[in-house]
Amino acid sequence: MDETTFWACVKHGAVPDRGTPKLSAHALPADLVQLLISKVGLDEAEVAVMSKEDTVARMQKYWAEGV
């Protein structure tokens, strides 16, 4: 960290970038993935290629129809 970044943090609360990964806006909630795998019976690879909308729709179908 350079001096400018340090003082910006101290004086203004500007937190420096520490290289933490940013979450994708399209990331699936972990609990939804777990439900699709454990309850619905989908493969992890199948869930990995689904969109958020598709996973929600598939879970809703499971809850409504049991399939």
PDB file of N, CA and C in Angstrom:
ATOM      1  N   MET A   1       0.865  -1.164   0.000  1.00  0.00           N
ATOM      2  CA  MET A   1       0.000   0.000   0.000  1.00  0.00           C
ATOM      3  C   MET A   1       0.910   1.225   0.000  1.00  0.00           C
ATOM      4  N   ASP A   2       0.567   2.195  -0.852  1.00  0.00           N
ATOM      5  CA  ASP A   2       1.377   3.414  -0.880  1.00  0.00           C
ATOM      6  C   ASP A   2       0.852   4.425   0.142  1.00  0.00           C
ATOM      7  N   GLU A   3       1.587   5.479   0.346  1.00  0.00           N
ATOM      8  CA  GLU A   3       1.258   6.463   1.378  1.00  0.00           C
ATOM      9  C   GLU A   3      -0.070   7.169   1.104  1.00  0.00           C
ATOM     10  N   THR A   4      -0.342   7.473  -0.149  1.00  0.00           N
ATOM     11  CA  THR A   4      -1.593   8.148  -0.511  1.00  0.00           C
ATOM     12  C   THR A   4      -2.800   7.280  -0.166  1.00  0.00           C
ATOM     13  N   THR A   5      -2.696   6.014  -0.501  1.00  0.00           N
ATOM     14  CA  THR A   5      -3.782   5.070  -0.201  1.00  0.00           C
ATOM     15  C   THR A   5      -3.961   4.931   1.302  1.00  0.00           C
ATOM     16  N   PHE A   6      -2.863   4.847   2.025  1.00  0.00           N
ATOM     17  CA  PHE A   6      -2.914   4.728   3.480  1.00  0.00           C
ATOM     18  C   PHE A   6      -3.662   5.907   4.100  1.00  0.00           C
ATOM     19  N   TRP A   7      -3.263   7.135   3.735  1.00  0.00           N
ATOM     20  CA  TRP A   7      -3.884   8.313   4.337  1.00  0.00           C
ATOM     21  C   TRP A   7      -5.335   8.502   3.888  1.00  0.00           C
ATOM     22  N   ALA A   8      -5.667   8.089   2.690  1.00  0.00           N
ATOM     23  CA  ALA A   8      -7.067   8.142   2.241  1.00  0.00           C
ATOM     24  C   ALA A   8      -7.913   7.219   3.109  1.00  0.00           C
ATOM     25  N   CYS A   9      -7.334   6.105   3.488  1.00  0.00           N
ATOM     26  CA  CYS A   9      -8.039   5.158   4.361  1.00  0.00           C
ATOM     27  C   CYS A   9      -8.202   5.745   5.759  1.00  0.00           C
ATOM     28  N   VAL A  10      -7.128   6.303   6.295  1.00  0.00           N
ATOM     29  CA  VAL A  10      -7.152   6.858   7.654  1.00  0.00           C
ATOM     30  C   VAL A  10      -8.095   8.055   7.757  1.00  0.00           C
ATOM     31  N   LYS A  11      -7.968   8.986   6.820  1.00  0.00           N
ATOM     32  CA  LYS A  11      -8.717  10.241   6.905  1.00  0.00           C
ATOM     33  C   LYS A  11     -10.156  10.144   6.405  1.00  0.00           C
ATOM     34  N   HIS A  12     -10.375   9.339   5.384  1.00  0.00           N
ATOM     35  CA  HIS A  12     -11.689   9.327   4.734  1.00  0.00           C
ATOM     36  C   HIS A  12     -12.384   7.965   4.758  1.00  0.00           C
ATOM     37  N   GLY A  13     -11.741   6.972   5.340  1.00  0.00           N
ATOM     38  CA  GLY A  13     -12.354   5.644   5.402  1.00  0.00           C
ATOM     39  C   GLY A  13     -12.387   4.927   4.070  1.00  0.00           C
ATOM     40  N   ALA A  14     -11.583   5.385   3.097  1.00  0.00           N
ATOM     41  CA  ALA A  14     -11.542   4.753   1.770  1.00  0.00           C
ATOM     42  C   ALA A  14     -10.763   3.443   1.881  1.00  0.00           C
ATOM     43  N   VAL A  15     -11.463   2.349   1.915  1.00  0.00           N
ATOM     44  CA  VAL A  15     -10.838   1.040   2.079  1.00  0.00           C
ATOM     45  C   VAL A  15     -10.080   0.675   0.800  1.00  0.00           C
ATOM     46  N   PRO A  16      -8.794   0.320   0.923  1.00  0.00           N
ATOM     47  CA  PRO A  16      -8.017  -0.032  -0.264  1.00  0.00           C
ATOM     48  C   PRO A  16      -8.426  -1.386  -0.838  1.00  0.00           C
ATOM     49  N   ASP A  17      -8.206  -1.549  -2.130  1.00  0.00           N
ATOM     50  CA  ASP A  17      -8.475  -2.819  -2.787  1.00  0.00           C
ATOM     51  C   ASP A  17      -7.465  -3.840  -2.293  1.00  0.00           C
ATOM     52  N   ARG A  18      -7.959  -4.914  -1.732  1.00  0.00           N
ATOM     53  CA  ARG A  18      -7.064  -5.951  -1.208  1.00  0.00           C
ATOM     54  C   ARG A  18      -7.095  -7.205  -2.066  1.00  0.00           C
ATOM     55  N   GLY A  19      -7.666  -7.087  -3.238  1.00  0.00           N
ATOM     56  CA  GLY A  19      -7.673  -8.212  -4.163  1.00  0.00           C
ATOM     57  C   GLY A  19      -8.720  -9.260  -3.877  1.00  0.00           C
ATOM     58  N   THR A  20      -9.725  -8.936  -3.058  1.00  0.00           N
ATOM     59  CA  THR A  20     -10.774  -9.914  -2.793  1.00  0.00           C
ATOM     60  C   THR A  20     -11.626 -10.090  -4.043  1.00  0.00           C
ATOM     61  N   PRO A  21     -12.042 -11.301  -4.319  1.00  0.00           N
ATOM     62  CA  PRO A  21     -12.842 -11.545  -5.523  1.00  0.00           C
ATOM     63  C   PRO A  21     -14.197 -10.847  -5.444  1.00  0.00           C
ATOM     64  N   LYS A  22     -14.644 -10.346  -6.552  1.00  0.00           N
ATOM     65  CA  LYS A  22     -15.955  -9.714  -6.656  1.00  0.00           C
ATOM     66  C   LYS A  22     -16.969 -10.786  -7.049  1.00  0.00           C
ATOM     67  N   LEU A  23     -18.125 -10.759  -6.421  1.00  0.00           N
ATOM     68  CA  LEU A  23     -19.168 -11.717  -6.774  1.00  0.00           C
ATOM     69  C   LEU A  23     -19.821 -11.317  -8.082  1.00  0.00           C
ATOM     70  N   SER A  24     -20.051 -12.279  -8.895  1.00  0.00           N
ATOM     71  CA  SER A  24     -20.723 -12.049 -10.163  1.00  0.00           C
ATOM     72  C   SER A  24     -22.195 -11.753  -9.910  1.00  0.00           C
ATOM     73  N   ALA A  25     -22.743 -10.865 -10.708  1.00  0.00           N
ATOM     74  CA  ALA A  25     -24.168 -10.559 -10.598  1.00  0.00           C
ATOM     75  C   ALA A  25     -25.013 -11.777 -10.972  1.00  0.00           C
ATOM     76  N   HIS A  26     -24.389 -12.735 -11.673  1.00  0.00           N
ATOM     77  CA  HIS A  26     -25.104 -13.925 -12.119  1.00  0.00           C
ATOM     78  C   HIS A  26     -24.813 -15.143 -11.249  1.00  0.00           C
ATOM     79  N   ALA A  27     -24.138 -14.930 -10.125  1.00  0.00           N
ATOM     80  CA  ALA A  27     -23.810 -16.040  -9.233  1.00  0.00           C
ATOM     81  C   ALA A  27     -25.083 -16.616  -8.623  1.00  0.00           C
ATOM     82  N   LEU A  28     -25.112 -17.916  -8.496  1.00  0.00           N
ATOM     83  CA  LEU A  28     -26.275 -18.594  -7.919  1.00  0.00           C
ATOM     84  C   LEU A  28     -26.125 -18.674  -6.403  1.00  0.00           C
ATOM     85  N   PRO A  29     -27.208 -18.475  -5.668  1.00  0.00           N
ATOM     86  CA  PRO A  29     -27.153 -18.641  -4.216  1.00  0.00           C
ATOM     87  C   PRO A  29     -26.800 -20.095  -3.865  1.00  0.00           C
ATOM     88  N   ALA A  30     -25.894 -20.261  -2.930  1.00  0.00           N
ATOM     89  CA  ALA A  30     -25.417 -21.593  -2.562  1.00  0.00           C
ATOM     90  C   ALA A  30     -26.543 -22.497  -2.076  1.00  0.00           C
ATOM     91  N   ASP A  31     -27.501 -21.942  -1.329  1.00  0.00           N
ATOM     92  CA  ASP A  31     -28.592 -22.789  -0.827  1.00  0.00           C
ATOM     93  C   ASP A  31     -29.481 -23.286  -1.958  1.00  0.00           C
ATOM     94  N   LEU A  32     -29.649 -22.473  -3.005  1.00  0.00           N
ATOM     95  CA  LEU A  32     -30.434 -22.901  -4.165  1.00  0.00           C
ATOM     96  C   LEU A  32     -29.716 -24.031  -4.897  1.00  0.00           C
ATOM     97  N   VAL A  33     -28.415 -23.900  -5.076  1.00  0.00           N
ATOM     98  CA  VAL A  33     -27.631 -24.949  -5.717  1.00  0.00           C
ATOM     99  C   VAL A  33     -27.734 -26.247  -4.912  1.00  0.00           C
ATOM    100  N   GLN A  34     -27.607 -26.140  -3.601  1.00  0.00           N
ATOM    101  CA  GLN A  34     -27.694 -27.322  -2.731  1.00  0.00           C
ATOM    102  C   GLN A  34     -29.056 -28.005  -2.864  1.00  0.00           C
ATOM    103  N   LEU A  35     -30.127 -27.225  -2.899  1.00  0.00           N
ATOM    104  CA  LEU A  35     -31.467 -27.805  -3.047  1.00  0.00           C
ATOM    105  C   LEU A  35     -31.637 -28.506  -4.391  1.00  0.00           C
ATOM    106  N   LEU A  36     -31.139 -27.888  -5.445  1.00  0.00           N
ATOM    107  CA  LEU A  36     -31.269 -28.495  -6.773  1.00  0.00           C
ATOM    108  C   LEU A  36     -30.512 -29.813  -6.863  1.00  0.00           C
ATOM    109  N   ILE A  37     -29.390 -29.894  -6.182  1.00  0.00           N
ATOM    110  CA  ILE A  37     -28.601 -31.126  -6.220  1.00  0.00           C
ATOM    111  C   ILE A  37     -29.183 -32.177  -5.284  1.00  0.00           C
ATOM    112  N   SER A  38     -29.487 -31.791  -4.042  1.00  0.00           N
ATOM    113  CA  SER A  38     -29.907 -32.782  -3.050  1.00  0.00           C
ATOM    114  C   SER A  38     -31.382 -33.152  -3.134  1.00  0.00           C
ATOM    115  N   LYS A  39     -32.247 -32.197  -3.418  1.00  0.00           N
ATOM    116  CA  LYS A  39     -33.688 -32.481  -3.446  1.00  0.00           C
ATOM    117  C   LYS A  39     -34.190 -32.838  -4.841  1.00  0.00           C
ATOM    118  N   VAL A  40     -33.812 -32.027  -5.838  1.00  0.00           N
ATOM    119  CA  VAL A  40     -34.311 -32.242  -7.200  1.00  0.00           C
ATOM    120  C   VAL A  40     -33.557 -33.372  -7.886  1.00  0.00           C
ATOM    121  N   GLY A  41     -32.277 -33.546  -7.509  1.00  0.00           N
ATOM    122  CA  GLY A  41     -31.493 -34.635  -8.081  1.00  0.00           C
ATOM    123  C   GLY A  41     -30.702 -34.260  -9.325  1.00  0.00           C
ATOM    124  N   LEU A  42     -30.490 -32.965  -9.537  1.00  0.00           N
ATOM    125  CA  LEU A  42     -29.712 -32.542 -10.691  1.00  0.00           C
ATOM    126  C   LEU A  42     -28.227 -32.731 -10.420  1.00  0.00           C
ATOM    127  N   ASP A  43     -27.458 -32.933 -11.483  1.00  0.00           N
ATOM    128  CA  ASP A  43     -26.006 -33.032 -11.354  1.00  0.00           C
ATOM    129  C   ASP A  43     -25.416 -31.642 -11.142  1.00  0.00           C
ATOM    130  N   GLU A  44     -24.302 -31.583 -10.444  1.00  0.00           N
ATOM    131  CA  GLU A  44     -23.618 -30.315 -10.207  1.00  0.00           C
ATOM    132  C   GLU A  44     -23.251 -29.637 -11.523  1.00  0.00           C
ATOM    133  N   ALA A  45     -22.798 -30.414 -12.503  1.00  0.00           N
ATOM    134  CA  ALA A  45     -22.416 -29.861 -13.802  1.00  0.00           C
ATOM    135  C   ALA A  45     -23.626 -29.263 -14.520  1.00  0.00           C
ATOM    136  N   GLU A  46     -24.776 -29.890 -14.365  1.00  0.00           N
ATOM    137  CA  GLU A  46     -26.004 -29.393 -14.991  1.00  0.00           C
ATOM    138  C   GLU A  46     -26.418 -28.063 -14.369  1.00  0.00           C
ATOM    139  N   VAL A  47     -26.339 -27.961 -13.057  1.00  0.00           N
ATOM    140  CA  VAL A  47     -26.696 -26.727 -12.354  1.00  0.00           C
ATOM    141  C   VAL A  47     -25.720 -25.610 -12.724  1.00  0.00           C
ATOM    142  N   ALA A  48     -24.452 -25.952 -12.902  1.00  0.00           N
ATOM    143  CA  ALA A  48     -23.413 -24.954 -13.183  1.00  0.00           C
ATOM    144  C   ALA A  48     -23.659 -24.188 -14.476  1.00  0.00           C
ATOM    145  N   VAL A  49     -24.333 -24.790 -15.431  1.00  0.00           N
ATOM    146  CA  VAL A  49     -24.565 -24.114 -16.716  1.00  0.00           C
ATOM    147  C   VAL A  49     -25.940 -23.441 -16.796  1.00  0.00           C
ATOM    148  N   MET A  50     -26.740 -23.566 -15.740  1.00  0.00           N
ATOM    149  CA  MET A  50     -28.072 -22.962 -15.729  1.00  0.00           C
ATOM    150  C   MET A  50     -28.001 -21.492 -15.339  1.00  0.00           C
ATOM    151  N   SER A  51     -28.919 -20.703 -15.890  1.00  0.00           N
ATOM    152  CA  SER A  51     -29.016 -19.297 -15.493  1.00  0.00           C
ATOM    153  C   SER A  51     -29.755 -19.217 -14.160  1.00  0.00           C
ATOM    154  N   LYS A  52     -29.672 -18.066 -13.531  1.00  0.00           N
ATOM    155  CA  LYS A  52     -30.366 -17.875 -12.264  1.00  0.00           C
ATOM    156  C   LYS A  52     -31.877 -18.052 -12.458  1.00  0.00           C
ATOM    157  N   GLU A  53     -32.394 -17.521 -13.562  1.00  0.00           N
ATOM    158  CA  GLU A  53     -33.824 -17.639 -13.846  1.00  0.00           C
ATOM    159  C   GLU A  53     -34.229 -19.102 -14.025  1.00  0.00           C
ATOM    160  N   ASP A  54     -33.385 -19.880 -14.725  1.00  0.00           N
ATOM    161  CA  ASP A  54     -33.674 -21.301 -14.938  1.00  0.00           C
ATOM    162  C   ASP A  54     -33.653 -22.086 -13.632  1.00  0.00           C
ATOM    163  N   THR A  55     -32.709 -21.771 -12.749  1.00  0.00           N
ATOM    164  CA  THR A  55     -32.640 -22.502 -11.487  1.00  0.00           C
ATOM    165  C   THR A  55     -33.842 -22.197 -10.600  1.00  0.00           C
ATOM    166  N   VAL A  56     -34.256 -20.940 -10.586  1.00  0.00           N
ATOM    167  CA  VAL A  56     -35.432 -20.563  -9.790  1.00  0.00           C
ATOM    168  C   VAL A  56     -36.671 -21.245 -10.351  1.00  0.00           C
ATOM    169  N   ALA A  57     -36.827 -21.232 -11.667  1.00  0.00           N
ATOM    170  CA  ALA A  57     -37.984 -21.876 -12.298  1.00  0.00           C
ATOM    171  C   ALA A  57     -37.994 -23.374 -12.022  1.00  0.00           C
ATOM    172  N   ARG A  58     -36.824 -24.014 -12.072  1.00  0.00           N
ATOM    173  CA  ARG A  58     -36.746 -25.454 -11.824  1.00  0.00           C
ATOM    174  C   ARG A  58     -37.100 -25.790 -10.380  1.00  0.00           C
ATOM    175  N   MET A  59     -36.657 -24.949  -9.442  1.00  0.00           N
ATOM    176  CA  MET A  59     -36.976 -25.177  -8.036  1.00  0.00           C
ATOM    177  C   MET A  59     -38.465 -24.976  -7.791  1.00  0.00           C
ATOM    178  N   GLN A  60     -39.048 -23.957  -8.415  1.00  0.00           N
ATOM    179  CA  GLN A  60     -40.481 -23.718  -8.278  1.00  0.00           C
ATOM    180  C   GLN A  60     -41.287 -24.891  -8.832  1.00  0.00           C
ATOM    181  N   LYS A  61     -40.835 -25.457  -9.941  1.00  0.00           N
ATOM    182  CA  LYS A  61     -41.513 -26.634 -10.519  1.00  0.00           C
ATOM    183  C   LYS A  61     -41.454 -27.806  -9.533  1.00  0.00           C
ATOM    184  N   TYR A  62     -40.304 -27.985  -8.888  1.00  0.00           N
ATOM    185  CA  TYR A  62     -40.163 -29.059  -7.909  1.00  0.00           C
ATOM    186  C   TYR A  62     -41.132 -28.862  -6.756  1.00  0.00           C
ATOM    187  N   TRP A  63     -41.197 -27.624  -6.245  1.00  0.00           N
ATOM    188  CA  TRP A  63     -42.090 -27.346  -5.118  1.00  0.00           C
ATOM    189  C   TRP A  63     -43.555 -27.481  -5.514  1.00  0.00           C
ATOM    190  N   ALA A  64     -43.917 -27.087  -6.714  1.00  0.00           N
ATOM    191  CA  ALA A  64     -45.320 -27.133  -7.153  1.00  0.00           C
ATOM    192  C   ALA A  64     -45.774 -28.538  -7.568  1.00  0.00           C
ATOM    193  N   GLU A  65     -44.879 -29.251  -8.272  1.00  0.00           N
ATOM    194  CA  GLU A  65     -45.288 -30.535  -8.839  1.00  0.00           C
ATOM    195  C   GLU A  65     -44.570 -31.739  -8.232  1.00  0.00           C
ATOM    196  N   GLY A  66     -43.532 -31.484  -7.457  1.00  0.00           N
ATOM    197  CA  GLY A  66     -42.784 -32.583  -6.852  1.00  0.00           C
ATOM    198  C   GLY A  66     -41.863 -33.316  -7.815  1.00  0.00           C
ATOM    199  N   VAL A  67     -41.609 -32.725  -8.948  1.00  0.00           N
ATOM    200  CA  VAL A  67     -40.721 -33.333  -9.952  1.00  0.00           C
ATOM    201  C   VAL A  67     -39.559 -32.439 -10.274  1.00  0.00           C
TER     202      VAL A  67
END
